[in-house]
């Protein structure tokens, strides 16, 4: 296998903190380009000679050009992630998620990047009545966060040319333990509250939420580094595993933890429901997720048992909005 040099924006975030060690284990070089808002998530591997950590802002084109040299692959994870974080400061969100995207793509092409893997979102579809939300359905984003994800997809695909191969992944909601843990995502929220409070609050309950275990998500990005270029060129793939209602997820959490946990229902105005189909990626790339929501819940439970997670209800680093408010990113 040919070793590669991979430039990962937002590589010190939730997914990146789990992905980077896996890439290094395969012998590739990695440049992590990140603000490191959530601290030193690579403290146990940062002496690896194949890992380069660059503390910088995705809006800093000069730094991107400097550090992307000699790389052949980009995995673009950096963004203000999810609707609540984006709405905290819409101008900031736009500048990072959208305005910075086109310069990154242009620099990537100029510097000889071969494959550009973009982490979009399954939220770009909006609310669909179809039982199976497939990649050929129209995009009807409901929020600025998802609107700019969709617009970036357009920008990337319009830049396709010989020697530059774009790939768009639309992930479901990621769940499970990672070195930089997020406790503001559905499965992880319910697990944290169940373990520490013995109670799960379910807002609504009938809404479906597609999820994917973080180990499957990171395995897919690993695969994307090596898929034949003709298999991924300008392709768009949903990636999820289990489409469950919030009620079903609450039951999964309770049954996995095997302890007395009360489930309390509260009303909500957010009745968005998604049922994402991942049949295309299975058919074209042979990718099938292997891990369950139960395993994601158990990975967080084990981390609590090992004291890897502390002050989980109040520590800002587990919550994107709280961290952004704390550092006052502009």
C-alpha atoms as a PDB file:
ATOM      1  CA  UNK A   1       0.000   0.000   0.000  1.00  0.00           C
ATOM      2  CA  UNK A   2       1.288   3.409  -0.967  1.00  0.00           C
ATOM      3  CA  UNK A   3       1.610   5.732   2.014  1.00  0.00           C
ATOM      4  CA  UNK A   4      -0.087   9.091   1.706  1.00  0.00           C
ATOM      5  CA  UNK A   5       0.060  12.505   3.278  1.00  0.00           C
ATOM      6  CA  UNK A   6      -3.377  13.613   4.418  1.00  0.00           C
ATOM      7  CA  UNK A   7      -4.447  17.147   5.312  1.00  0.00           C
ATOM      8  CA  UNK A   8      -7.358  17.034   7.782  1.00  0.00           C
ATOM      9  CA  UNK A   9      -9.178  20.255   8.596  1.00  0.00           C
ATOM     10  CA  UNK A  10     -10.942  20.110  11.952  1.00  0.00           C
ATOM     11  CA  UNK A  11      -8.893  17.022  12.724  1.00  0.00           C
ATOM     12  CA  UNK A  12      -8.930  17.654  16.479  1.00  0.00           C
ATOM     13  CA  UNK A  13     -12.723  17.515  16.707  1.00  0.00           C
ATOM     14  CA  UNK A  14     -15.007  14.624  17.642  1.00  0.00           C
ATOM     15  CA  UNK A  15     -14.572  12.507  14.507  1.00  0.00           C
ATOM     16  CA  UNK A  16     -10.997  13.627  13.847  1.00  0.00           C
ATOM     17  CA  UNK A  17      -9.783  12.640  17.308  1.00  0.00           C
ATOM     18  CA  UNK A  18     -10.829   9.073  16.547  1.00  0.00           C
ATOM     19  CA  UNK A  19      -9.774   9.118  12.874  1.00  0.00           C
ATOM     20  CA  UNK A  20      -6.223  10.490  13.122  1.00  0.00           C
ATOM     21  CA  UNK A  21      -4.787   7.652  15.280  1.00  0.00           C
ATOM     22  CA  UNK A  22      -6.273   5.093  12.866  1.00  0.00           C
ATOM     23  CA  UNK A  23      -4.642   6.776   9.863  1.00  0.00           C
ATOM     24  CA  UNK A  24      -1.272   6.910  11.614  1.00  0.00           C
ATOM     25  CA  UNK A  25      -1.521   3.205  12.472  1.00  0.00           C
ATOM     26  CA  UNK A  26      -1.686   2.494   8.730  1.00  0.00           C
ATOM     27  CA  UNK A  27       1.611   4.342   8.236  1.00  0.00           C
ATOM     28  CA  UNK A  28       0.268   7.462   6.517  1.00  0.00           C
ATOM     29  CA  UNK A  29       1.391  10.999   7.349  1.00  0.00           C
ATOM     30  CA  UNK A  30      -1.203  13.393   8.769  1.00  0.00           C
ATOM     31  CA  UNK A  31      -1.366  17.174   8.987  1.00  0.00           C
ATOM     32  CA  UNK A  32      -4.082  18.237  11.458  1.00  0.00           C
ATOM     33  CA  UNK A  33      -5.194  21.811  10.761  1.00  0.00           C
ATOM     34  CA  UNK A  34      -7.393  22.935  13.640  1.00  0.00           C
ATOM     35  CA  UNK A  35      -8.058  25.651  16.211  1.00  0.00           C
ATOM     36  CA  UNK A  36      -7.741  23.052  19.013  1.00  0.00           C
ATOM     37  CA  UNK A  37     -10.681  24.617  20.853  1.00  0.00           C
ATOM     38  CA  UNK A  38     -11.205  21.431  22.838  1.00  0.00           C
ATOM     39  CA  UNK A  39      -7.683  21.058  24.138  1.00  0.00           C
ATOM     40  CA  UNK A  40      -4.847  18.632  23.542  1.00  0.00           C
ATOM     41  CA  UNK A  41      -6.722  15.603  22.220  1.00  0.00           C
ATOM     42  CA  UNK A  42      -3.563  14.005  20.798  1.00  0.00           C
ATOM     43  CA  UNK A  43      -1.472  14.104  23.990  1.00  0.00           C
ATOM     44  CA  UNK A  44      -0.707  10.372  23.725  1.00  0.00           C
ATOM     45  CA  UNK A  45       0.415  10.362  20.062  1.00  0.00           C
ATOM     46  CA  UNK A  46       1.742  13.852  19.373  1.00  0.00           C
ATOM     47  CA  UNK A  47       5.345  12.632  19.389  1.00  0.00           C
ATOM     48  CA  UNK A  48       4.589  10.455  16.372  1.00  0.00           C
ATOM     49  CA  UNK A  49       6.970  11.721  13.646  1.00  0.00           C
ATOM     50  CA  UNK A  50       4.263  11.258  11.016  1.00  0.00           C
ATOM     51  CA  UNK A  51       1.850  13.614  12.798  1.00  0.00           C
ATOM     52  CA  UNK A  52       2.001  17.378  12.302  1.00  0.00           C
ATOM     53  CA  UNK A  53      -0.309  19.586  14.379  1.00  0.00           C
ATOM     54  CA  UNK A  54      -1.052  23.049  13.001  1.00  0.00           C
ATOM     55  CA  UNK A  55      -3.023  25.434  15.201  1.00  0.00           C
ATOM     56  CA  UNK A  56      -4.744  27.768  12.777  1.00  0.00           C
ATOM     57  CA  UNK A  57      -8.080  28.964  11.439  1.00  0.00           C
ATOM     58  CA  UNK A  58      -9.691  27.487   8.318  1.00  0.00           C
ATOM     59  CA  UNK A  59     -10.202  31.100   7.157  1.00  0.00           C
ATOM     60  CA  UNK A  60      -6.423  31.626   7.072  1.00  0.00           C
ATOM     61  CA  UNK A  61      -5.623  30.845   3.429  1.00  0.00           C
ATOM     62  CA  UNK A  62      -1.956  31.705   3.869  1.00  0.00           C
ATOM     63  CA  UNK A  63      -1.534  29.034   6.553  1.00  0.00           C
ATOM     64  CA  UNK A  64      -3.490  26.492   4.523  1.00  0.00           C
ATOM     65  CA  UNK A  65      -1.254  27.018   1.498  1.00  0.00           C
ATOM     66  CA  UNK A  66       1.854  26.729   3.662  1.00  0.00           C
ATOM     67  CA  UNK A  67       0.914  23.455   5.337  1.00  0.00           C
ATOM     68  CA  UNK A  68      -0.995  21.651   2.575  1.00  0.00           C
ATOM     69  CA  UNK A  69       2.148  21.399   0.440  1.00  0.00           C
ATOM     70  CA  UNK A  70       3.141  17.826  -0.471  1.00  0.00           C
ATOM     71  CA  UNK A  71      -0.221  16.452   0.706  1.00  0.00           C
ATOM     72  CA  UNK A  72      -2.240  14.354  -1.749  1.00  0.00           C
ATOM     73  CA  UNK A  73      -5.551  14.020   0.125  1.00  0.00           C
ATOM     74  CA  UNK A  74      -7.825  16.447   1.965  1.00  0.00           C
ATOM     75  CA  UNK A  75     -10.455  15.354   4.475  1.00  0.00           C
ATOM     76  CA  UNK A  76     -12.492  18.457   5.244  1.00  0.00           C
ATOM     77  CA  UNK A  77     -14.152  18.079   8.647  1.00  0.00           C
ATOM     78  CA  UNK A  78     -13.809  21.652   9.939  1.00  0.00           C
ATOM     79  CA  UNK A  79     -17.062  23.510  10.501  1.00  0.00           C
ATOM     80  CA  UNK A  80     -19.304  25.094  13.078  1.00  0.00           C
ATOM     81  CA  UNK A  81     -21.124  21.876  13.710  1.00  0.00           C
ATOM     82  CA  UNK A  82     -24.915  21.506  13.872  1.00  0.00           C
ATOM     83  CA  UNK A  83     -27.795  23.987  13.946  1.00  0.00           C
ATOM     84  CA  UNK A  84     -27.628  25.287  17.555  1.00  0.00           C
ATOM     85  CA  UNK A  85     -23.895  26.031  17.319  1.00  0.00           C
ATOM     86  CA  UNK A  86     -24.387  27.783  13.989  1.00  0.00           C
ATOM     87  CA  UNK A  87     -27.291  29.884  15.259  1.00  0.00           C
ATOM     88  CA  UNK A  88     -25.176  31.113  18.160  1.00  0.00           C
ATOM     89  CA  UNK A  89     -23.351  33.378  15.688  1.00  0.00           C
ATOM     90  CA  UNK A  90     -24.671  33.034  12.112  1.00  0.00           C
ATOM     91  CA  UNK A  91     -22.028  35.369  10.634  1.00  0.00           C
ATOM     92  CA  UNK A  92     -19.244  33.316  12.207  1.00  0.00           C
ATOM     93  CA  UNK A  93     -20.872  30.119  10.979  1.00  0.00           C
ATOM     94  CA  UNK A  94     -21.132  31.415   7.431  1.00  0.00           C
ATOM     95  CA  UNK A  95     -17.527  32.615   7.395  1.00  0.00           C
ATOM     96  CA  UNK A  96     -16.204  29.218   8.519  1.00  0.00           C
ATOM     97  CA  UNK A  97     -18.648  26.809   6.894  1.00  0.00           C
ATOM     98  CA  UNK A  98     -19.146  28.597   3.577  1.00  0.00           C
ATOM     99  CA  UNK A  99     -16.884  31.590   2.878  1.00  0.00           C
ATOM    100  CA  UNK A 100     -13.720  29.625   3.690  1.00  0.00           C
ATOM    101  CA  UNK A 101     -14.706  26.654   1.554  1.00  0.00           C
ATOM    102  CA  UNK A 102     -14.071  27.913  -1.965  1.00  0.00           C
ATOM    103  CA  UNK A 103     -10.546  29.211  -1.148  1.00  0.00           C
ATOM    104  CA  UNK A 104      -9.739  25.819   0.429  1.00  0.00           C
ATOM    105  CA  UNK A 105     -10.874  23.991  -2.713  1.00  0.00           C
ATOM    106  CA  UNK A 106      -8.945  26.352  -4.990  1.00  0.00           C
ATOM    107  CA  UNK A 107      -5.745  26.075  -2.938  1.00  0.00           C
ATOM    108  CA  UNK A 108      -6.144  22.280  -2.876  1.00  0.00           C
ATOM    109  CA  UNK A 109      -6.282  22.174  -6.671  1.00  0.00           C
ATOM    110  CA  UNK A 110      -3.345  24.554  -7.071  1.00  0.00           C
ATOM    111  CA  UNK A 111      -1.224  22.493  -4.667  1.00  0.00           C
ATOM    112  CA  UNK A 112      -1.924  19.205  -6.438  1.00  0.00           C
ATOM    113  CA  UNK A 113      -4.399  17.573  -4.072  1.00  0.00           C
ATOM    114  CA  UNK A 114      -5.717  14.452  -5.775  1.00  0.00           C
ATOM    115  CA  UNK A 115      -8.764  13.525  -3.699  1.00  0.00           C
ATOM    116  CA  UNK A 116     -10.914  15.900  -1.662  1.00  0.00           C
ATOM    117  CA  UNK A 117     -13.284  14.248   0.808  1.00  0.00           C
ATOM    118  CA  UNK A 118     -15.990  16.570   2.144  1.00  0.00           C
ATOM    119  CA  UNK A 119     -18.042  15.848   5.261  1.00  0.00           C
ATOM    120  CA  UNK A 120     -21.450  17.264   4.414  1.00  0.00           C
ATOM    121  CA  UNK A 121     -24.586  16.319   6.381  1.00  0.00           C
ATOM    122  CA  UNK A 122     -27.751  14.268   5.994  1.00  0.00           C
ATOM    123  CA  UNK A 123     -29.628  17.387   7.153  1.00  0.00           C
ATOM    124  CA  UNK A 124     -29.311  18.849   3.616  1.00  0.00           C
ATOM    125  CA  UNK A 125     -32.463  16.936   2.615  1.00  0.00           C
ATOM    126  CA  UNK A 126     -34.717  18.804   5.031  1.00  0.00           C
ATOM    127  CA  UNK A 127     -37.886  16.909   5.967  1.00  0.00           C
ATOM    128  CA  UNK A 128     -38.944  14.263   3.459  1.00  0.00           C
ATOM    129  CA  UNK A 129     -42.119  12.212   3.281  1.00  0.00           C
ATOM    130  CA  UNK A 130     -40.357   9.383   1.469  1.00  0.00           C
ATOM    131  CA  UNK A 131     -39.771   6.256   3.553  1.00  0.00           C
ATOM    132  CA  UNK A 132     -36.201   6.060   2.220  1.00  0.00           C
ATOM    133  CA  UNK A 133     -34.206   9.283   1.770  1.00  0.00           C
ATOM    134  CA  UNK A 134     -31.828   8.544  -1.109  1.00  0.00           C
ATOM    135  CA  UNK A 135     -29.097  10.640  -2.725  1.00  0.00           C
ATOM    136  CA  UNK A 136     -31.185  11.448  -5.806  1.00  0.00           C
ATOM    137  CA  UNK A 137     -33.839  13.347  -3.836  1.00  0.00           C
ATOM    138  CA  UNK A 138     -33.851  17.139  -3.970  1.00  0.00           C
ATOM    139  CA  UNK A 139     -32.046  19.111  -1.282  1.00  0.00           C
ATOM    140  CA  UNK A 140     -34.370  21.288   0.803  1.00  0.00           C
ATOM    141  CA  UNK A 141     -32.257  22.478   3.744  1.00  0.00           C
ATOM    142  CA  UNK A 142     -34.272  24.072   6.529  1.00  0.00           C
ATOM    143  CA  UNK A 143     -31.506  25.917   8.371  1.00  0.00           C
ATOM    144  CA  UNK A 144     -28.475  28.036   7.520  1.00  0.00           C
ATOM    145  CA  UNK A 145     -26.196  25.239   8.730  1.00  0.00           C
ATOM    146  CA  UNK A 146     -27.628  22.740   6.258  1.00  0.00           C
ATOM    147  CA  UNK A 147     -28.039  25.357   3.513  1.00  0.00           C
ATOM    148  CA  UNK A 148     -24.329  26.137   3.522  1.00  0.00           C
ATOM    149  CA  UNK A 149     -23.471  22.435   3.610  1.00  0.00           C
ATOM    150  CA  UNK A 150     -25.516  22.035   0.410  1.00  0.00           C
ATOM    151  CA  UNK A 151     -23.937  25.088  -1.246  1.00  0.00           C
ATOM    152  CA  UNK A 152     -20.452  23.777  -0.486  1.00  0.00           C
ATOM    153  CA  UNK A 153     -21.365  20.517  -2.193  1.00  0.00           C
ATOM    154  CA  UNK A 154     -22.198  22.538  -5.338  1.00  0.00           C
ATOM    155  CA  UNK A 155     -18.898  24.415  -5.160  1.00  0.00           C
ATOM    156  CA  UNK A 156     -16.906  21.208  -4.787  1.00  0.00           C
ATOM    157  CA  UNK A 157     -18.593  19.351  -7.628  1.00  0.00           C
ATOM    158  CA  UNK A 158     -18.262  22.352  -9.948  1.00  0.00           C
ATOM    159  CA  UNK A 159     -14.481  22.209  -9.399  1.00  0.00           C
ATOM    160  CA  UNK A 160     -14.125  18.636 -10.659  1.00  0.00           C
ATOM    161  CA  UNK A 161     -11.423  18.309 -13.297  1.00  0.00           C
ATOM    162  CA  UNK A 162      -8.817  15.810 -14.393  1.00  0.00           C
ATOM    163  CA  UNK A 163      -6.459  15.140 -11.501  1.00  0.00           C
ATOM    164  CA  UNK A 164      -8.835  16.502  -8.827  1.00  0.00           C
ATOM    165  CA  UNK A 165     -11.394  14.023  -7.516  1.00  0.00           C
ATOM    166  CA  UNK A 166     -14.118  15.269  -5.143  1.00  0.00           C
ATOM    167  CA  UNK A 167     -16.128  12.972  -2.880  1.00  0.00           C
ATOM    168  CA  UNK A 168     -19.093  14.047  -0.728  1.00  0.00           C
ATOM    169  CA  UNK A 169     -20.182  12.086   2.330  1.00  0.00           C
ATOM    170  CA  UNK A 170     -23.520  12.887   4.017  1.00  0.00           C
ATOM    171  CA  UNK A 171     -23.199  11.319   7.469  1.00  0.00           C
ATOM    172  CA  UNK A 172     -25.963  10.481   9.872  1.00  0.00           C
ATOM    173  CA  UNK A 173     -25.521  11.626  13.487  1.00  0.00           C
ATOM    174  CA  UNK A 174     -22.346  10.114  14.908  1.00  0.00           C
ATOM    175  CA  UNK A 175     -22.374   8.396  18.303  1.00  0.00           C
ATOM    176  CA  UNK A 176     -19.955   6.685  20.673  1.00  0.00           C
ATOM    177  CA  UNK A 177     -16.813   7.494  22.623  1.00  0.00           C
ATOM    178  CA  UNK A 178     -13.891   9.437  21.173  1.00  0.00           C
ATOM    179  CA  UNK A 179     -10.850  11.161  22.644  1.00  0.00           C
ATOM    180  CA  UNK A 180     -12.597  14.522  22.046  1.00  0.00           C
ATOM    181  CA  UNK A 181     -16.038  13.506  23.194  1.00  0.00           C
ATOM    182  CA  UNK A 182     -19.259  15.290  22.286  1.00  0.00           C
ATOM    183  CA  UNK A 183     -22.123  14.942  24.740  1.00  0.00           C
ATOM    184  CA  UNK A 184     -24.485  17.162  22.739  1.00  0.00           C
ATOM    185  CA  UNK A 185     -25.525  14.513  20.165  1.00  0.00           C
ATOM    186  CA  UNK A 186     -28.660  12.384  20.556  1.00  0.00           C
ATOM    187  CA  UNK A 187     -27.310   8.975  21.607  1.00  0.00           C
ATOM    188  CA  UNK A 188     -24.473  10.479  23.634  1.00  0.00           C
ATOM    189  CA  UNK A 189     -26.795  12.935  25.430  1.00  0.00           C
ATOM    190  CA  UNK A 190     -29.218  10.210  26.469  1.00  0.00           C
ATOM    191  CA  UNK A 191     -26.375   7.936  27.597  1.00  0.00           C
ATOM    192  CA  UNK A 192     -24.754  10.661  29.714  1.00  0.00           C
ATOM    193  CA  UNK A 193     -28.029  11.528  31.451  1.00  0.00           C
ATOM    194  CA  UNK A 194     -28.941   7.879  31.981  1.00  0.00           C
ATOM    195  CA  UNK A 195     -25.597   7.064  33.609  1.00  0.00           C
ATOM    196  CA  UNK A 196     -25.339  10.162  35.776  1.00  0.00           C
ATOM    197  CA  UNK A 197     -28.946  11.094  36.548  1.00  0.00           C
ATOM    198  CA  UNK A 198     -30.792   7.815  36.155  1.00  0.00           C
ATOM    199  CA  UNK A 199     -33.293   9.594  33.943  1.00  0.00           C
ATOM    200  CA  UNK A 200     -33.706  10.189  30.215  1.00  0.00           C
ATOM    201  CA  UNK A 201     -35.739  13.144  28.974  1.00  0.00           C
ATOM    202  CA  UNK A 202     -37.269  12.532  25.566  1.00  0.00           C
ATOM    203  CA  UNK A 203     -38.521  15.585  23.702  1.00  0.00           C
ATOM    204  CA  UNK A 204     -41.268  14.300  21.428  1.00  0.00           C
ATOM    205  CA  UNK A 205     -40.178  10.746  20.732  1.00  0.00           C
ATOM    206  CA  UNK A 206     -41.635   9.659  17.415  1.00  0.00           C
ATOM    207  CA  UNK A 207     -39.058  11.572  15.315  1.00  0.00           C
ATOM    208  CA  UNK A 208     -36.607   9.291  13.526  1.00  0.00           C
ATOM    209  CA  UNK A 209     -32.897  10.007  13.765  1.00  0.00           C
ATOM    210  CA  UNK A 210     -30.326   8.129  11.682  1.00  0.00           C
ATOM    211  CA  UNK A 211     -27.148   7.309  13.579  1.00  0.00           C
ATOM    212  CA  UNK A 212     -23.743   5.825  12.888  1.00  0.00           C
ATOM    213  CA  UNK A 213     -21.162   4.531  15.332  1.00  0.00           C
ATOM    214  CA  UNK A 214     -18.001   6.660  15.321  1.00  0.00           C
ATOM    215  CA  UNK A 215     -15.833   3.594  14.647  1.00  0.00           C
ATOM    216  CA  UNK A 216     -17.776   2.932  11.446  1.00  0.00           C
ATOM    217  CA  UNK A 217     -17.635   6.599  10.462  1.00  0.00           C
ATOM    218  CA  UNK A 218     -13.867   6.738  10.844  1.00  0.00           C
ATOM    219  CA  UNK A 219     -13.419   3.392   9.083  1.00  0.00           C
ATOM    220  CA  UNK A 220     -15.264   4.841   6.094  1.00  0.00           C
ATOM    221  CA  UNK A 221     -12.925   7.851   5.913  1.00  0.00           C
ATOM    222  CA  UNK A 222      -9.990   5.426   6.078  1.00  0.00           C
ATOM    223  CA  UNK A 223     -11.464   3.504   3.158  1.00  0.00           C
ATOM    224  CA  UNK A 224     -12.039   6.726   1.199  1.00  0.00           C
ATOM    225  CA  UNK A 225      -8.309   7.396   1.248  1.00  0.00           C
ATOM    226  CA  UNK A 226      -7.764   4.217  -0.782  1.00  0.00           C
ATOM    227  CA  UNK A 227     -10.889   3.619  -2.873  1.00  0.00           C
ATOM    228  CA  UNK A 228     -10.064   3.620  -6.606  1.00  0.00           C
ATOM    229  CA  UNK A 229     -10.472   7.165  -7.923  1.00  0.00           C
ATOM    230  CA  UNK A 230     -13.012   6.176 -10.560  1.00  0.00           C
ATOM    231  CA  UNK A 231     -15.247   4.743  -7.803  1.00  0.00           C
ATOM    232  CA  UNK A 232     -15.421   8.004  -5.857  1.00  0.00           C
ATOM    233  CA  UNK A 233     -15.023  10.713  -8.498  1.00  0.00           C
ATOM    234  CA  UNK A 234     -17.766  13.342  -7.948  1.00  0.00           C
ATOM    235  CA  UNK A 235     -19.859  10.847  -6.017  1.00  0.00           C
ATOM    236  CA  UNK A 236     -22.284  11.652  -3.207  1.00  0.00           C
ATOM    237  CA  UNK A 237     -23.045   9.040  -0.558  1.00  0.00           C
ATOM    238  CA  UNK A 238     -25.308   8.902   2.465  1.00  0.00           C
ATOM    239  CA  UNK A 239     -23.753   7.005   5.331  1.00  0.00           C
ATOM    240  CA  UNK A 240     -25.763   5.831   8.290  1.00  0.00           C
ATOM    241  CA  UNK A 241     -26.701   2.604   9.929  1.00  0.00           C
ATOM    242  CA  UNK A 242     -29.689   2.542  12.206  1.00  0.00           C
ATOM    243  CA  UNK A 243     -32.755   4.726  11.708  1.00  0.00           C
ATOM    244  CA  UNK A 244     -34.523   4.759  15.062  1.00  0.00           C
ATOM    245  CA  UNK A 245     -37.089   7.011  16.696  1.00  0.00           C
ATOM    246  CA  UNK A 246     -35.957   8.959  19.763  1.00  0.00           C
ATOM    247  CA  UNK A 247     -38.187   6.664  21.846  1.00  0.00           C
ATOM    248  CA  UNK A 248     -36.404   3.612  20.452  1.00  0.00           C
ATOM    249  CA  UNK A 249     -32.979   5.163  21.130  1.00  0.00           C
ATOM    250  CA  UNK A 250     -34.000   5.828  24.751  1.00  0.00           C
ATOM    251  CA  UNK A 251     -35.009   2.163  25.098  1.00  0.00           C
ATOM    252  CA  UNK A 252     -31.701   1.036  23.551  1.00  0.00           C
ATOM    253  CA  UNK A 253     -29.768   3.163  26.055  1.00  0.00           C
ATOM    254  CA  UNK A 254     -31.736   1.818  29.012  1.00  0.00           C
ATOM    255  CA  UNK A 255     -31.488  -1.813  27.879  1.00  0.00           C
ATOM    256  CA  UNK A 256     -27.755  -1.535  27.159  1.00  0.00           C
ATOM    257  CA  UNK A 257     -26.939  -0.055  30.568  1.00  0.00           C
ATOM    258  CA  UNK A 258     -29.075  -2.695  32.361  1.00  0.00           C
ATOM    259  CA  UNK A 259     -30.018  -0.432  35.269  1.00  0.00           C
ATOM    260  CA  UNK A 260     -33.125   1.341  36.474  1.00  0.00           C
ATOM    261  CA  UNK A 261     -33.565   4.405  34.299  1.00  0.00           C
ATOM    262  CA  UNK A 262     -36.733   6.484  34.074  1.00  0.00           C
ATOM    263  CA  UNK A 263     -37.788   7.771  30.654  1.00  0.00           C
ATOM    264  CA  UNK A 264     -39.715  11.046  30.831  1.00  0.00           C
ATOM    265  CA  UNK A 265     -41.488  12.536  27.808  1.00  0.00           C
ATOM    266  CA  UNK A 266     -41.723  16.266  27.177  1.00  0.00           C
ATOM    267  CA  UNK A 267     -43.296  18.226  24.338  1.00  0.00           C
ATOM    268  CA  UNK A 268     -41.208  19.730  21.541  1.00  0.00           C
ATOM    269  CA  UNK A 269     -41.736  21.900  18.496  1.00  0.00           C
ATOM    270  CA  UNK A 270     -38.886  20.102  16.711  1.00  0.00           C
ATOM    271  CA  UNK A 271     -40.654  17.250  14.953  1.00  0.00           C
ATOM    272  CA  UNK A 272     -38.093  16.857  12.153  1.00  0.00           C
ATOM    273  CA  UNK A 273     -37.762  13.215  11.190  1.00  0.00           C
ATOM    274  CA  UNK A 274     -35.146  11.639   8.922  1.00  0.00           C
ATOM    275  CA  UNK A 275     -34.915   8.136   7.465  1.00  0.00           C
ATOM    276  CA  UNK A 276     -31.699   8.045   5.475  1.00  0.00           C
ATOM    277  CA  UNK A 277     -30.950   5.207   3.057  1.00  0.00           C
ATOM    278  CA  UNK A 278     -27.343   3.990   2.804  1.00  0.00           C
ATOM    279  CA  UNK A 279     -27.963   1.411   0.083  1.00  0.00           C
ATOM    280  CA  UNK A 280     -25.994   3.297  -2.579  1.00  0.00           C
ATOM    281  CA  UNK A 281     -22.690   3.232  -0.681  1.00  0.00           C
ATOM    282  CA  UNK A 282     -23.168  -0.459   0.033  1.00  0.00           C
ATOM    283  CA  UNK A 283     -23.861  -1.208  -3.640  1.00  0.00           C
ATOM    284  CA  UNK A 284     -21.096   0.949  -5.143  1.00  0.00           C
ATOM    285  CA  UNK A 285     -18.324   0.766  -2.528  1.00  0.00           C
ATOM    286  CA  UNK A 286     -19.298  -2.300  -0.510  1.00  0.00           C
ATOM    287  CA  UNK A 287     -19.346  -0.278   2.713  1.00  0.00           C
ATOM    288  CA  UNK A 288     -21.623  -1.671   5.412  1.00  0.00           C
ATOM    289  CA  UNK A 289     -21.433  -0.358   9.006  1.00  0.00           C
ATOM    290  CA  UNK A 290     -20.679  -3.087  11.548  1.00  0.00           C
ATOM    291  CA  UNK A 291     -21.265  -1.467  14.948  1.00  0.00           C
ATOM    292  CA  UNK A 292     -24.559  -0.813  16.685  1.00  0.00           C
ATOM    293  CA  UNK A 293     -25.966   1.997  18.804  1.00  0.00           C
ATOM    294  CA  UNK A 294     -25.737  -0.429  21.724  1.00  0.00           C
ATOM    295  CA  UNK A 295     -21.969  -0.615  21.189  1.00  0.00           C
ATOM    296  CA  UNK A 296     -21.745   3.184  21.075  1.00  0.00           C
ATOM    297  CA  UNK A 297     -23.619   3.413  24.386  1.00  0.00           C
ATOM    298  CA  UNK A 298     -21.395   0.764  25.913  1.00  0.00           C
ATOM    299  CA  UNK A 299     -18.213   2.554  24.731  1.00  0.00           C
ATOM    300  CA  UNK A 300     -19.303   5.675  26.623  1.00  0.00           C
ATOM    301  CA  UNK A 301     -20.274   3.604  29.665  1.00  0.00           C
ATOM    302  CA  UNK A 302     -16.846   1.937  29.678  1.00  0.00           C
ATOM    303  CA  UNK A 303     -15.143   5.338  29.413  1.00  0.00           C
ATOM    304  CA  UNK A 304     -17.057   6.511  32.491  1.00  0.00           C
ATOM    305  CA  UNK A 305     -16.036   3.346  34.339  1.00  0.00           C
ATOM    306  CA  UNK A 306     -12.385   4.000  33.478  1.00  0.00           C
ATOM    307  CA  UNK A 307     -12.693   7.632  34.648  1.00  0.00           C
ATOM    308  CA  UNK A 308     -11.889   8.898  31.143  1.00  0.00           C
ATOM    309  CA  UNK A 309     -14.907  11.238  31.334  1.00  0.00           C
ATOM    310  CA  UNK A 310     -15.145  13.680  34.236  1.00  0.00           C
ATOM    311  CA  UNK A 311     -17.645  16.413  35.166  1.00  0.00           C
ATOM    312  CA  UNK A 312     -19.685  15.424  32.150  1.00  0.00           C
ATOM    313  CA  UNK A 313     -22.654  17.618  32.981  1.00  0.00           C
ATOM    314  CA  UNK A 314     -20.733  20.866  33.385  1.00  0.00           C
ATOM    315  CA  UNK A 315     -17.372  20.640  31.573  1.00  0.00           C
ATOM    316  CA  UNK A 316     -17.561  22.933  28.521  1.00  0.00           C
ATOM    317  CA  UNK A 317     -15.270  20.768  26.391  1.00  0.00           C
ATOM    318  CA  UNK A 318     -18.018  18.190  25.873  1.00  0.00           C
ATOM    319  CA  UNK A 319     -20.412  20.769  24.460  1.00  0.00           C
ATOM    320  CA  UNK A 320     -19.777  22.733  21.279  1.00  0.00           C
ATOM    321  CA  UNK A 321     -21.989  25.708  22.150  1.00  0.00           C
ATOM    322  CA  UNK A 322     -20.541  26.113  25.649  1.00  0.00           C
ATOM    323  CA  UNK A 323     -16.994  25.965  24.289  1.00  0.00           C
ATOM    324  CA  UNK A 324     -17.739  28.553  21.605  1.00  0.00           C
ATOM    325  CA  UNK A 325     -19.321  30.866  24.176  1.00  0.00           C
ATOM    326  CA  UNK A 326     -16.369  30.376  26.497  1.00  0.00           C
ATOM    327  CA  UNK A 327     -13.640  31.244  23.973  1.00  0.00           C
ATOM    328  CA  UNK A 328     -15.733  33.852  22.141  1.00  0.00           C
ATOM    329  CA  UNK A 329     -14.571  32.782  18.697  1.00  0.00           C
ATOM    330  CA  UNK A 330     -14.969  35.553  16.114  1.00  0.00           C
END
